[in-house]
Amino acid sequence: MSKKKVLIVTQEMSPFTDPSELADFTRTLPQFVQDKGMELRVLMPKFGTINERRHRLHEVVRLSGMNIIVDDDDYPLIIKVASMPEARIQVYFLDNDDFFRRKHVFQDEEGQIYEDNVDRMVFFCKGVLETVRKFGWAPDIVHCHGWMTSLIPAYLKTAYKTEPLFQHSKIVYSLYNDELEEKMPENFFTKAAINNLHAEDLHAYQNGAGITLHKGAAAFADGVVVGSPTLSDVAQATLADTDKPVLEFSEDAALPGIVEFYNSLMAEEVEAQE
């Protein structure tokens, strides 16, 4: 039997980014998944705060060279790779000078949210899927961590729904306390509607007059994982409204629980094919 394939997409990961609940968890999850006999790919943004020399990043020329269109503009996508310290796991970094060569991650030195965070998110989410296509690697599970990955579930179920590599992928979205919904601009749908999508295709992200990234991601995902012991009111409302399988937060059994969650979703896919 071939190994099951897990794609982990995250906006942060220790030790490449500053420690956080999300970054620390996505550092331990890949090793645990690999130790359970699954094949793994890990993708994240190459923020300017990541020290390339210290972490020994180098460009993967065979994967670089694509252009990603965001709001009718072309941006070159550069792929770099590094190994996790003390682990035989490679992490692929998506880079672009316009979006990621900055001294801060999501806010400037004065604490102001970057006005182009939506463009950066769209570039990253589309870039992830195009990179996986270039891998020629069909994931059984796509596990997204952080608001910056929140468009991937929608893109997989809409713009990429006919892509053979993703035909049998199950999408898992982890909820953390990392929301920037209140900062989403009015032109969110225009920017996020890649390829031939229309604003109505992304209607699940609409929450009254505002945008709730977690709500949209959960609507398109096949399963939701609670990644924080406490959630915002918005995130709790998302959980209350979803009809998808939910893995509740567990500090003691988080890693085994997630692998079991993966297996249950993959079993559903097998049953659907029979």
Protein backbone atom coordinates (compact mmCIF):
# COMPACT_ATOMS: atom_id res chain seq x y z
CA MET A 1 0.00 0.00 0.00
CA SER A 2 1.35 3.42 -0.94
CA LYS A 3 1.97 5.99 1.75
CA LYS A 4 -0.73 8.55 2.40
CA LYS A 5 0.33 12.04 1.41
CA VAL A 6 -0.17 15.07 3.66
CA LEU A 7 0.33 18.66 2.54
CA ILE A 8 0.80 21.08 5.44
CA VAL A 9 0.41 24.75 4.56
CA THR A 10 1.15 27.27 7.28
CA GLN A 11 1.75 30.97 7.64
CA GLU A 12 4.23 30.45 10.48
CA MET A 13 6.58 27.76 11.76
CA SER A 14 9.23 27.66 14.45
CA PRO A 15 12.16 28.18 14.30
CA PHE A 16 11.84 30.07 11.02
CA THR A 17 9.35 32.59 12.41
CA ASP A 18 8.89 33.98 15.92
CA PRO A 19 7.42 31.58 18.49
CA SER A 20 3.63 31.52 18.68
CA GLU A 21 0.91 29.00 19.37
CA LEU A 22 0.54 28.34 15.65
CA ALA A 23 4.27 28.37 14.85
CA ASP A 24 5.15 25.99 17.66
CA PHE A 25 2.42 23.50 16.79
CA THR A 26 3.26 23.41 13.09
CA ARG A 27 6.85 22.68 14.09
CA THR A 28 5.86 19.45 15.89
CA LEU A 29 3.04 18.28 13.61
CA PRO A 30 5.11 17.43 10.49
CA GLN A 31 7.52 15.23 12.45
CA PHE A 32 4.66 13.37 14.10
CA VAL A 33 2.87 12.85 10.77
CA GLN A 34 6.06 11.57 9.15
CA ASP A 35 6.76 9.24 12.08
CA LYS A 36 3.31 7.74 11.49
CA GLY A 37 4.43 6.62 8.04
CA MET A 38 2.86 9.35 5.94
CA GLU A 39 4.57 11.20 3.09
CA LEU A 40 4.86 14.90 3.71
CA ARG A 41 5.24 18.31 2.05
CA VAL A 42 5.37 21.57 4.03
CA LEU A 43 4.89 25.00 2.42
CA MET A 44 5.00 28.48 3.99
CA PRO A 45 5.76 32.11 3.00
CA LYS A 46 9.39 33.30 2.95
CA PHE A 47 8.93 36.40 5.07
CA GLY A 48 11.76 38.91 5.16
CA THR A 49 12.21 38.17 8.87
CA ILE A 50 13.48 34.67 8.03
CA ASN A 51 17.28 34.55 8.05
CA GLU A 52 18.26 32.66 4.90
CA ARG A 53 21.88 32.16 5.91
CA ARG A 54 21.12 30.92 9.42
CA HIS A 55 18.48 28.48 8.21
CA ARG A 56 20.40 27.54 5.05
CA LEU A 57 17.68 28.34 2.55
CA HIS A 58 18.47 27.88 -1.10
CA GLU A 59 16.45 28.33 -4.27
CA VAL A 60 14.84 25.35 -6.00
CA VAL A 61 15.39 26.39 -9.60
CA ARG A 62 13.21 23.66 -11.10
CA LEU A 63 10.21 24.94 -9.13
CA SER A 64 10.85 28.67 -9.50
CA GLY A 65 10.06 30.83 -12.49
CA MET A 66 6.26 30.82 -12.42
CA ASN A 67 4.27 34.04 -12.43
CA ILE A 68 1.22 34.37 -10.19
CA ILE A 69 -1.52 36.79 -11.25
CA VAL A 70 -3.04 38.88 -8.46
CA ASP A 71 -5.63 41.52 -9.37
CA ASP A 72 -4.45 41.49 -13.02
CA ASP A 73 -0.78 41.99 -12.12
CA ASP A 74 1.94 39.37 -12.58
CA TYR A 75 4.30 38.55 -9.73
CA PRO A 76 7.25 36.12 -10.03
CA LEU A 77 7.20 33.16 -7.64
CA ILE A 78 10.51 31.98 -6.23
CA ILE A 79 10.67 28.68 -4.33
CA LYS A 80 13.30 28.09 -1.69
CA VAL A 81 13.87 25.14 0.59
CA ALA A 82 15.46 24.36 3.94
CA SER A 83 15.54 21.43 6.31
CA MET A 84 13.88 21.44 9.70
CA PRO A 85 16.49 21.38 12.45
CA GLU A 86 17.04 17.87 13.78
CA ALA A 87 14.49 16.39 11.37
CA ARG A 88 14.59 14.87 7.92
CA ILE A 89 11.85 17.18 6.71
CA GLN A 90 12.15 19.80 4.01
CA VAL A 91 10.19 23.03 4.19
CA TYR A 92 9.42 24.89 0.96
CA PHE A 93 9.22 28.68 1.11
CA LEU A 94 7.26 30.82 -1.35
CA ASP A 95 9.06 34.10 -2.00
CA ASN A 96 8.43 37.34 -3.86
CA ASP A 97 10.19 40.67 -3.35
CA ASP A 98 7.01 42.76 -3.62
CA PHE A 99 5.16 40.84 -0.94
CA PHE A 100 7.68 39.33 1.45
CA ARG A 101 10.92 41.31 1.53
CA ARG A 102 9.96 43.34 4.61
CA LYS A 103 11.27 43.67 8.13
CA HIS A 104 7.92 42.70 9.63
CA VAL A 105 5.34 39.98 8.89
CA PHE A 106 1.77 41.32 8.82
CA GLN A 107 2.18 44.79 10.35
CA ASP A 108 4.70 47.59 9.93
CA GLU A 109 6.98 48.95 12.65
CA GLU A 110 4.16 51.17 13.91
CA GLY A 111 1.74 48.27 14.25
CA GLN A 112 -0.30 49.19 11.19
CA ILE A 113 -1.68 46.30 9.15
CA TYR A 114 -0.13 46.13 5.67
CA GLU A 115 -2.67 47.39 3.17
CA ASP A 116 -1.74 44.67 0.68
CA ASN A 117 -2.24 41.71 3.04
CA VAL A 118 -5.07 40.44 0.82
CA ASP A 119 -2.79 40.52 -2.23
CA ARG A 120 -0.13 38.68 -0.26
CA MET A 121 -2.67 36.06 0.85
CA VAL A 122 -3.98 35.51 -2.68
CA PHE A 123 -0.43 35.24 -4.04
CA PHE A 124 0.52 32.72 -1.38
CA CYS A 125 -2.61 30.55 -1.64
CA LYS A 126 -2.53 30.37 -5.43
CA GLY A 127 1.24 29.93 -5.37
CA VAL A 128 0.92 26.94 -3.03
CA LEU A 129 -1.46 25.13 -5.37
CA GLU A 130 0.60 25.91 -8.45
CA THR A 131 3.73 24.67 -6.68
CA VAL A 132 2.03 21.39 -5.74
CA ARG A 133 0.99 21.02 -9.38
CA LYS A 134 4.64 21.45 -10.34
CA PHE A 135 5.56 18.77 -7.79
CA GLY A 136 3.16 16.46 -9.64
CA TRP A 137 2.22 15.21 -6.17
CA ALA A 138 -1.38 14.38 -5.23
CA PRO A 139 -2.07 15.01 -1.51
CA ASP A 140 -4.63 12.91 0.33
CA ILE A 141 -4.86 15.60 3.02
CA VAL A 142 -4.35 19.36 2.69
CA HIS A 143 -4.06 20.87 6.17
CA CYS A 144 -4.15 24.69 6.35
CA HIS A 145 -2.94 26.69 9.36
CA GLY A 146 -3.55 30.40 9.79
CA TRP A 147 -5.70 33.09 8.17
CA MET A 148 -3.17 33.50 5.36
CA THR A 149 -4.05 29.99 4.14
CA SER A 150 -7.82 30.53 4.39
CA LEU A 151 -8.46 30.86 0.64
CA ILE A 152 -6.95 27.47 -0.17
CA PRO A 153 -10.08 25.46 0.75
CA ALA A 154 -12.18 27.66 -1.53
CA TYR A 155 -9.72 27.51 -4.41
CA LEU A 156 -9.51 23.72 -4.20
CA LYS A 157 -13.30 23.40 -4.36
CA THR A 158 -13.77 25.99 -7.14
CA ALA A 159 -10.89 27.19 -9.34
CA TYR A 160 -8.96 23.90 -9.00
CA LYS A 161 -11.86 21.47 -8.76
CA THR A 162 -11.02 19.83 -12.10
CA GLU A 163 -7.29 19.50 -11.36
CA PRO A 164 -6.60 15.73 -11.25
CA LEU A 165 -4.01 16.03 -8.47
CA PHE A 166 -6.62 17.37 -6.06
CA GLN A 167 -9.61 15.23 -7.06
CA HIS A 168 -9.46 13.09 -3.92
CA SER A 169 -7.85 15.55 -1.48
CA LYS A 170 -9.53 16.12 1.85
CA ILE A 171 -9.14 19.65 3.22
CA VAL A 172 -8.58 20.36 6.89
CA TYR A 173 -8.60 23.89 8.29
CA SER A 174 -7.25 24.72 11.75
CA LEU A 175 -8.84 27.57 13.70
CA TYR A 176 -6.51 29.76 15.76
CA ASN A 177 -6.79 33.17 17.39
CA ASP A 178 -5.09 34.91 14.49
CA GLU A 179 -7.90 36.73 12.73
CA LEU A 180 -7.55 39.91 10.67
CA GLU A 181 -11.12 39.96 9.40
CA GLU A 182 -11.76 43.48 10.60
CA LYS A 183 -8.92 44.65 8.35
CA MET A 184 -10.16 43.10 5.11
CA PRO A 185 -10.75 45.79 2.45
CA GLU A 186 -13.93 46.32 0.46
CA ASN A 187 -12.27 44.97 -2.69
CA PHE A 188 -11.52 41.62 -1.03
CA PHE A 189 -13.72 39.66 -3.44
CA THR A 190 -12.26 41.34 -6.52
CA LYS A 191 -8.74 40.42 -5.48
CA ALA A 192 -9.57 36.93 -4.19
CA ALA A 193 -11.56 35.88 -7.28
CA ILE A 194 -8.68 34.25 -9.19
CA ASN A 195 -8.85 32.57 -12.59
CA ASN A 196 -12.50 32.57 -13.69
CA LEU A 197 -14.07 32.91 -10.25
CA HIS A 198 -16.74 35.47 -9.46
CA ALA A 199 -17.49 37.21 -6.19
CA GLU A 200 -20.50 34.95 -5.58
CA ASP A 201 -18.22 31.90 -5.69
CA LEU A 202 -16.65 33.20 -2.48
CA HIS A 203 -19.86 34.28 -0.80
CA ALA A 204 -19.14 31.97 2.16
CA TYR A 205 -16.53 34.49 3.34
CA GLN A 206 -19.18 37.20 3.66
CA ASN A 207 -20.45 37.85 7.16
CA GLY A 208 -23.03 40.60 7.05
CA ALA A 209 -21.21 43.69 5.86
CA GLY A 210 -17.81 42.24 6.73
CA ILE A 211 -15.45 39.41 5.84
CA THR A 212 -14.81 36.36 8.03
CA LEU A 213 -11.92 34.36 6.67
CA HIS A 214 -12.42 31.46 9.10
CA LYS A 215 -16.10 31.21 8.17
CA GLY A 216 -15.31 30.90 4.47
CA ALA A 217 -12.46 28.45 4.99
CA ALA A 218 -14.59 26.21 7.22
CA ALA A 219 -17.42 26.25 4.68
CA PHE A 220 -15.16 24.85 1.96
CA ALA A 221 -13.10 22.51 4.17
CA ASP A 222 -13.94 18.86 4.79
CA GLY A 223 -13.00 19.08 8.45
CA VAL A 224 -12.13 21.71 11.05
CA VAL A 225 -9.53 21.47 13.83
CA VAL A 226 -9.65 23.74 16.88
CA GLY A 227 -6.03 24.83 17.35
CA SER A 228 -6.40 27.18 20.32
CA PRO A 229 -7.77 26.54 23.81
CA THR A 230 -9.80 29.75 23.56
CA LEU A 231 -11.28 31.28 20.42
CA SER A 232 -12.71 34.66 19.53
CA ASP A 233 -16.46 35.12 19.35
CA VAL A 234 -16.19 35.11 15.55
CA ALA A 235 -14.34 31.78 15.51
CA GLN A 236 -16.77 30.26 18.00
CA ALA A 237 -19.68 31.35 15.83
CA THR A 238 -17.98 29.66 12.87
CA LEU A 239 -17.79 26.40 14.80
CA ALA A 240 -21.40 26.68 15.91
CA ASP A 241 -22.58 27.13 12.33
CA THR A 242 -20.49 24.47 10.59
CA ASP A 243 -21.88 21.08 9.67
CA LYS A 244 -18.39 19.69 9.02
CA PRO A 245 -16.57 17.24 11.31
CA VAL A 246 -14.79 19.16 14.09
CA LEU A 247 -11.79 18.03 16.12
CA GLU A 248 -11.95 19.88 19.43
CA PHE A 249 -8.84 21.28 21.09
CA SER A 250 -6.82 18.82 23.15
CA GLU A 251 -3.55 19.85 24.75
CA ASP A 252 -2.55 16.32 25.74
CA ALA A 253 -3.62 14.39 22.65
CA ALA A 254 -3.50 17.00 19.88
CA LEU A 255 -1.05 15.21 17.57
CA PRO A 256 -2.54 11.68 17.76
CA GLY A 257 -5.99 13.22 17.46
CA ILE A 258 -5.12 15.00 14.24
CA VAL A 259 -3.68 11.88 12.61
CA GLU A 260 -6.81 9.97 13.59
CA PHE A 261 -8.86 12.84 12.15
CA TYR A 262 -6.92 12.55 8.87
CA ASN A 263 -7.57 8.81 8.75
CA SER A 264 -11.30 9.25 9.32
CA LEU A 265 -11.56 11.77 6.46
CA MET A 266 -9.53 9.56 4.13
CA ALA A 267 -11.76 6.60 5.03
CA GLU A 268 -14.77 8.66 3.97
CA GLU A 269 -13.09 9.32 0.62
CA VAL A 270 -12.42 5.60 0.11
CA GLU A 271 -16.07 4.80 0.87
CA ALA A 272 -17.20 7.49 -1.58
CA GLN A 273 -15.15 5.91 -4.35
CA GLU A 274 -16.50 2.39 -3.77
